[in-house]
Protein backbone atom coordinates (compact mmCIF):
# COMPACT_ATOMS: atom_id res chain seq x y z
CA MET A 1 31.57 48.23 -16.09
CA LYS A 2 27.94 49.09 -15.65
CA ARG A 3 26.73 46.47 -17.76
CA ILE A 4 28.68 43.76 -15.87
CA ALA A 5 27.13 45.22 -12.39
CA HIS A 6 23.85 44.98 -13.91
CA GLY A 7 24.11 41.30 -14.91
CA LEU A 8 25.47 40.15 -11.53
CA MET A 9 22.65 41.83 -10.22
CA LEU A 10 20.27 39.59 -12.48
CA ALA A 11 22.48 36.59 -11.69
CA MET A 12 22.18 37.09 -7.74
CA PHE A 13 18.26 37.62 -8.13
CA ALA A 14 18.32 35.04 -10.58
CA ALA A 15 20.65 32.45 -7.99
CA VAL A 16 17.47 33.92 -4.70
CA LEU A 17 14.74 32.64 -7.30
CA LEU A 18 15.83 29.36 -8.56
CA PRO A 19 15.67 27.72 -5.68
CA GLN A 20 12.49 27.89 -4.38
CA ALA A 21 10.73 28.25 -7.93
CA ALA A 22 11.91 24.41 -8.16
CA HIS A 23 9.45 23.66 -5.40
CA ALA A 24 6.80 24.19 -8.02
CA VAL A 25 5.58 21.43 -10.18
CA THR A 26 7.85 19.26 -12.38
CA PRO A 27 6.32 16.56 -14.23
CA GLY A 28 8.96 13.99 -15.93
CA ALA A 29 7.53 12.87 -19.18
CA GLN A 30 9.72 9.21 -18.83
CA HIS A 31 9.68 6.80 -16.32
CA LYS A 32 13.67 6.77 -14.73
CA LEU A 33 13.25 3.30 -13.40
CA ASP A 34 11.33 0.27 -14.21
CA PRO A 35 8.83 -1.82 -11.57
CA LYS A 36 9.71 -5.06 -12.94
CA ARG A 37 13.69 -3.92 -11.39
CA THR A 38 11.40 -4.49 -8.22
CA GLY A 39 11.28 -8.18 -8.47
CA LEU A 40 7.61 -7.89 -7.69
CA ALA A 41 4.83 -9.03 -9.34
CA TYR A 42 2.98 -6.30 -10.83
CA GLU A 43 0.00 -4.88 -13.74
CA ASP A 44 -0.62 -1.73 -15.21
CA VAL A 45 -4.26 0.04 -14.15
CA ALA A 46 -6.23 2.63 -15.17
CA PHE A 47 -8.99 4.93 -13.84
CA PRO A 48 -10.55 7.48 -14.50
CA SER A 49 -9.92 10.93 -12.35
CA ALA A 50 -13.13 11.92 -10.20
CA GLY A 51 -13.21 15.01 -11.13
CA ASP A 52 -13.77 15.03 -15.23
CA SER A 53 -13.48 11.55 -16.00
CA VAL A 54 -9.47 11.99 -17.62
CA LYS A 55 -7.84 8.69 -17.91
CA LEU A 56 -4.59 8.11 -15.59
CA HIS A 57 -2.45 5.20 -15.25
CA GLY A 58 -0.74 3.53 -12.51
CA TRP A 59 0.88 0.45 -11.22
CA TRP A 60 -0.66 -2.30 -8.79
CA PHE A 61 1.53 -4.68 -6.92
CA ASP A 62 -0.78 -6.68 -4.79
CA SER A 63 0.61 -8.63 -1.79
CA GLY A 64 -2.18 -11.58 -1.30
CA ALA A 65 -5.64 -11.27 -1.02
CA LYS A 66 -5.78 -10.02 2.73
CA ALA A 67 -2.50 -8.21 2.36
CA PRO A 68 -3.84 -4.17 3.17
CA VAL A 69 -3.34 -1.82 0.48
CA ILE A 70 -1.57 1.59 0.70
CA VAL A 71 -1.78 4.00 -2.02
CA LEU A 72 1.46 6.46 -2.66
CA CYS A 73 0.41 9.72 -3.55
CA PRO A 74 2.81 10.95 -6.38
CA HIS A 75 5.97 14.20 -5.62
CA GLY A 76 5.40 17.44 -7.11
CA SER A 77 8.51 16.41 -9.58
CA GLY A 78 9.30 13.45 -11.51
CA THR A 79 6.85 10.30 -12.05
CA MET A 80 5.17 7.33 -10.04
CA ALA A 81 8.70 5.12 -10.80
CA ASP A 82 10.43 7.28 -8.69
CA LEU A 83 8.49 5.84 -5.80
CA LEU A 84 9.24 2.45 -6.36
CA PRO A 85 12.16 2.14 -3.72
CA SER A 86 9.54 3.08 -1.25
CA VAL A 87 7.06 0.41 -3.09
CA ARG A 88 9.75 -2.28 -2.30
CA GLU A 89 9.76 -1.44 1.30
CA PHE A 90 6.23 -1.34 1.61
CA ALA A 91 5.74 -4.82 -0.14
CA GLN A 92 8.46 -6.36 1.60
CA ARG A 93 6.87 -5.51 5.15
CA GLY A 94 3.37 -7.77 3.53
CA TYR A 95 1.33 -4.46 1.80
CA SER A 96 -0.04 -4.44 -1.35
CA VAL A 97 0.82 -1.07 -3.21
CA MET A 98 -0.80 1.04 -6.03
CA THR A 99 1.08 4.24 -7.45
CA TYR A 100 -0.50 6.55 -10.19
CA ASP A 101 1.02 9.49 -11.99
CA LEU A 102 -1.23 12.67 -12.13
CA ARG A 103 -2.67 13.88 -15.10
CA GLU A 104 0.76 16.05 -16.38
CA PHE A 105 3.06 13.39 -15.66
CA GLY A 106 4.70 10.38 -17.22
CA PRO A 107 4.14 9.56 -20.49
CA GLY A 108 1.19 9.75 -20.86
CA GLY A 109 1.07 13.39 -19.65
CA PRO A 110 0.31 16.28 -20.81
CA GLY A 111 -3.38 16.60 -19.86
CA ALA A 112 -4.31 20.56 -18.50
CA GLN A 113 -3.30 23.16 -20.95
CA ASP A 114 -2.55 25.95 -19.03
CA SER A 115 1.10 26.48 -17.97
CA LEU A 116 2.73 24.90 -14.95
CA THR A 117 5.08 27.18 -14.57
CA ASN A 118 5.16 28.16 -10.64
CA LEU A 119 2.41 26.11 -10.20
CA ILE A 120 2.83 24.46 -6.75
CA PHE A 121 -1.09 22.92 -6.24
CA ALA A 122 -4.11 22.56 -7.96
CA SER A 123 -7.78 20.78 -6.97
CA ARG A 124 -7.61 19.21 -10.24
CA TRP A 125 -4.60 16.75 -8.74
CA VAL A 126 -6.42 16.03 -5.96
CA ASP A 127 -9.87 14.73 -8.42
CA ASP A 128 -7.11 12.66 -9.78
CA THR A 129 -5.59 11.25 -6.17
CA GLN A 130 -9.55 10.87 -5.49
CA GLY A 131 -10.00 8.66 -8.16
CA ALA A 132 -6.80 6.33 -7.33
CA PHE A 133 -8.28 6.28 -3.77
CA ALA A 134 -11.39 4.83 -5.60
CA TYR A 135 -9.86 2.14 -7.79
CA ALA A 136 -7.95 0.92 -4.71
CA ARG A 137 -11.23 0.34 -2.34
CA ALA A 138 -13.32 -0.79 -5.31
CA ARG A 139 -10.49 -3.41 -5.78
CA ALA A 140 -9.73 -4.23 -2.39
CA THR A 141 -12.74 -5.59 -1.26
CA GLY A 142 -12.72 -6.30 2.30
CA ARG A 143 -9.02 -4.81 2.71
CA PHE A 144 -7.97 -2.00 4.52
CA VAL A 145 -6.62 1.08 2.29
CA PHE A 146 -4.35 3.45 3.53
CA GLY A 147 -2.79 6.61 2.51
CA TRP A 148 0.95 8.08 1.77
CA GLY A 149 2.24 11.30 0.62
CA GLN A 150 4.94 12.96 0.75
CA ASP A 151 5.73 16.74 -0.85
CA LEU A 152 3.07 17.12 -3.14
CA GLY A 153 1.40 14.06 -2.34
CA SER A 154 1.14 15.06 1.57
CA ALA A 155 -1.61 18.10 0.54
CA LEU A 156 -2.95 15.59 -2.03
CA VAL A 157 -3.91 12.47 0.25
CA VAL A 158 -5.09 14.89 3.06
CA ALA A 159 -7.36 16.61 0.80
CA THR A 160 -8.72 13.04 -0.56
CA GLY A 161 -9.35 11.65 2.97
CA ALA A 162 -11.77 15.08 3.89
CA ARG A 163 -12.99 14.86 0.76
CA ASP A 164 -14.10 11.74 1.36
CA HIS A 165 -13.63 9.20 4.40
CA THR A 166 -14.69 6.21 3.06
CA LEU A 167 -12.03 6.17 0.60
CA VAL A 168 -9.21 5.52 2.87
CA ASP A 169 -8.96 4.27 6.81
CA ALA A 170 -5.44 5.84 7.35
CA ILE A 171 -2.98 8.53 6.31
CA VAL A 172 0.21 9.12 6.55
CA CYS A 173 1.92 12.52 5.40
CA GLU A 174 5.01 14.16 5.55
CA GLY A 175 4.77 18.30 5.92
CA LEU A 176 2.13 20.68 5.31
CA PHE A 177 1.54 24.37 4.23
CA ARG A 178 -1.37 26.12 5.77
CA THR A 179 -2.61 27.38 2.43
CA VAL A 180 -1.31 27.80 -0.98
CA GLN A 181 -0.97 31.77 -1.15
CA GLU A 182 1.14 31.82 2.18
CA GLN A 183 3.03 29.09 0.52
CA LEU A 184 3.25 31.69 -2.34
CA LEU A 185 4.82 34.41 -0.16
CA TRP A 186 6.85 31.71 1.74
CA ASN A 187 8.73 30.89 -1.51
CA GLY A 188 8.92 34.11 -2.84
CA THR A 189 7.05 33.22 -6.13
CA ALA A 190 3.59 35.36 -5.08
CA GLN A 191 5.03 39.00 -6.38
CA LEU A 192 5.47 37.42 -10.11
CA PRO A 193 2.67 38.40 -12.32
CA ASP A 194 -0.26 35.88 -12.31
CA VAL A 195 0.86 33.28 -10.45
CA ALA A 196 -1.31 34.30 -6.95
CA ARG A 197 -4.40 34.85 -9.03
CA ARG A 198 -3.81 31.67 -10.99
CA HIS A 199 -4.06 29.67 -8.12
CA ARG A 200 -7.19 31.16 -6.30
CA ILE A 201 -8.41 30.03 -9.79
CA LEU A 202 -7.27 26.35 -9.70
CA VAL A 203 -7.42 25.98 -5.71
CA ASP A 204 -11.01 24.85 -4.38
CA GLY A 205 -10.85 26.23 -0.39
CA PRO A 206 -11.73 23.19 1.22
CA ASP A 207 -8.86 21.43 -0.58
CA GLU A 208 -6.31 23.41 0.99
CA PRO A 209 -4.42 21.69 4.13
CA LEU A 210 -5.34 24.36 6.42
CA SER A 211 -9.32 23.30 5.82
CA ALA A 212 -9.03 19.25 4.88
CA VAL A 213 -6.85 18.56 8.49
CA GLN A 214 -10.34 20.14 10.17
CA ARG A 215 -12.55 17.99 8.12
CA LEU A 216 -10.29 14.81 8.80
CA TYR A 217 -12.43 11.85 9.68
CA VAL A 218 -9.61 9.47 9.79
CA PRO A 219 -6.52 8.99 11.64
CA LEU A 220 -3.56 10.75 10.49
CA MET A 221 0.13 10.25 11.26
CA VAL A 222 2.00 13.60 10.21
CA VAL A 223 6.15 12.80 9.71
CA ILE A 224 7.96 16.05 10.98
CA ALA A 225 11.14 16.53 9.17
CA MET A 226 12.87 18.81 11.59
CA LYS A 227 15.27 20.59 8.53
CA ASP A 228 12.33 21.17 6.21
CA ASP A 229 12.61 24.30 4.21
CA VAL A 230 10.10 24.21 2.10
CA THR A 231 7.16 23.41 4.88
CA PRO A 232 8.61 24.37 7.90
CA PRO A 233 8.01 21.86 11.10
CA LYS A 234 6.35 24.76 12.97
CA VAL A 235 3.88 25.07 10.37
CA THR A 236 3.35 21.40 9.53
CA ARG A 237 2.59 21.01 13.82
CA GLN A 238 -0.16 24.11 13.24
CA VAL A 239 -2.17 22.68 10.33
CA ALA A 240 -2.29 19.21 12.17
CA THR A 241 -2.85 20.13 15.25
CA HIS A 242 -6.95 19.88 14.99
CA SER A 243 -8.53 17.06 13.34
CA LEU A 244 -12.15 15.29 14.16
CA THR A 245 -9.92 12.11 14.75
CA ARG A 246 -6.56 10.90 15.68
CA ILE A 247 -3.03 12.87 15.19
CA ASP A 248 -0.03 11.56 16.19
CA ARG A 249 3.28 12.82 14.92
CA TYR A 250 6.65 11.10 14.34
CA GLU A 251 10.02 13.67 14.38
CA LEU A 252 12.75 13.31 12.04
CA PRO A 253 15.63 15.53 13.94
CA ALA A 254 18.01 15.01 10.87
CA ALA A 255 15.54 14.95 7.84
CA ALA A 256 14.71 17.49 5.16
CA HIS A 257 12.02 18.38 2.74
CA LEU A 258 12.76 15.08 0.54
CA GLY A 259 14.38 11.83 1.31
CA ALA A 260 12.49 11.47 4.76
CA GLU A 261 12.11 8.01 4.12
CA LEU A 262 16.05 7.06 3.99
CA GLN A 263 16.09 7.88 7.42
CA PRO A 264 16.80 4.77 9.32
CA GLY A 265 13.57 2.71 10.89
CA TYR A 266 11.48 4.92 8.55
CA PHE A 267 9.61 2.41 6.83
CA ASP A 268 9.24 -0.05 10.05
CA ARG A 269 7.66 3.30 12.28
CA VAL A 270 4.86 4.16 9.12
CA ALA A 271 4.33 0.10 8.72
CA GLY A 272 3.59 -0.57 12.05
CA TRP A 273 1.65 2.55 12.91
CA PHE A 274 -0.66 1.47 10.07
CA LYS A 275 -0.98 -1.87 11.39
CA GLU A 276 -1.84 -0.63 14.68
CA ILE A 277 -4.78 1.66 13.51
CA ALA A 278 -6.23 -1.36 11.27
CA ALA A 279 -5.99 -3.57 14.85
CA LEU A 280 -8.29 -0.41 16.48
CA LEU A 281 -11.05 -0.50 13.02
CA PRO A 282 -13.61 -2.35 12.48
CA PRO A 283 -13.23 -4.91 9.32
CA PRO A 284 -13.87 -3.10 6.47
CA ALA A 285 -17.28 -3.30 4.96
CA ALA A 286 -17.76 -5.19 1.88
CA PRO A 287 -19.44 -3.61 -0.88
CA ALA A 288 -23.50 -4.21 -0.91
CA PRO A 289 -24.54 -6.64 -3.28
CA PRO A 290 -26.40 -5.06 -6.32
CA PRO A 291 -29.92 -5.61 -6.24
CA GLU A 292 -32.31 -8.50 -7.23
CA PRO A 293 -33.82 -7.07 -10.33
CA ALA A 294 -37.74 -7.04 -10.20
CA LYS A 295 -39.98 -10.13 -10.80
CA PRO A 296 -42.61 -9.29 -12.89
């Protein structure tokens, strides 16, 4: 009986922890969807991470030479292929779209050797995201470049915009935690051996959402899913209170942490906000021509 009781206690303990641990990154090794099935023209692209030049891979869907670009930042699970339904929605509204995989994600992973168990955020993924936006900016000469992120992608796109506002013209994100250490307490993993210490090593303070939003110099729209139990609405509102520019909010009463884009009117609202912001911004500056060689 004691063994049975002990086993039941362990099962109950696991039932509490496992759903929370599911919020850690869980990279996919294979693409579950094929970009060819979107019916959109696309190409495979490669670019270096901004931090250590690790080679990363993405897909580029071009809607024309004048179409503004939206970079879709990855979730904390699966691969960039999971974003293909959103790619098609934005493309249908006249945007070019770029997706990409972080270094541990997709057929090109794994990257870093340390364990991903219980890892929810790391600055090396901001490096990867910064590399993706640098590629988009260089390629989309004279076009606006916007950023969109959900789940892990929310923290990544905000940190990237805070690091270098010249890479992105406006950002839409969904749900933000304040700091990694607070989020570990929230999801119940802070007490697990070495988890908090590893995050202190792998996360640079300025990349934390609370710090990054306050340094943003580009317009931000925060989508608030009112049933989000991972990044609760109250926390997201507190994080997205002050920045160096405009902050708008879009509340979805029936949306949870994942799947907000399935709510009616979502893509019209987000795409329309990007269009509104583009009308207020000066045209993107073309890169300066290379200097002429000195005359002998």
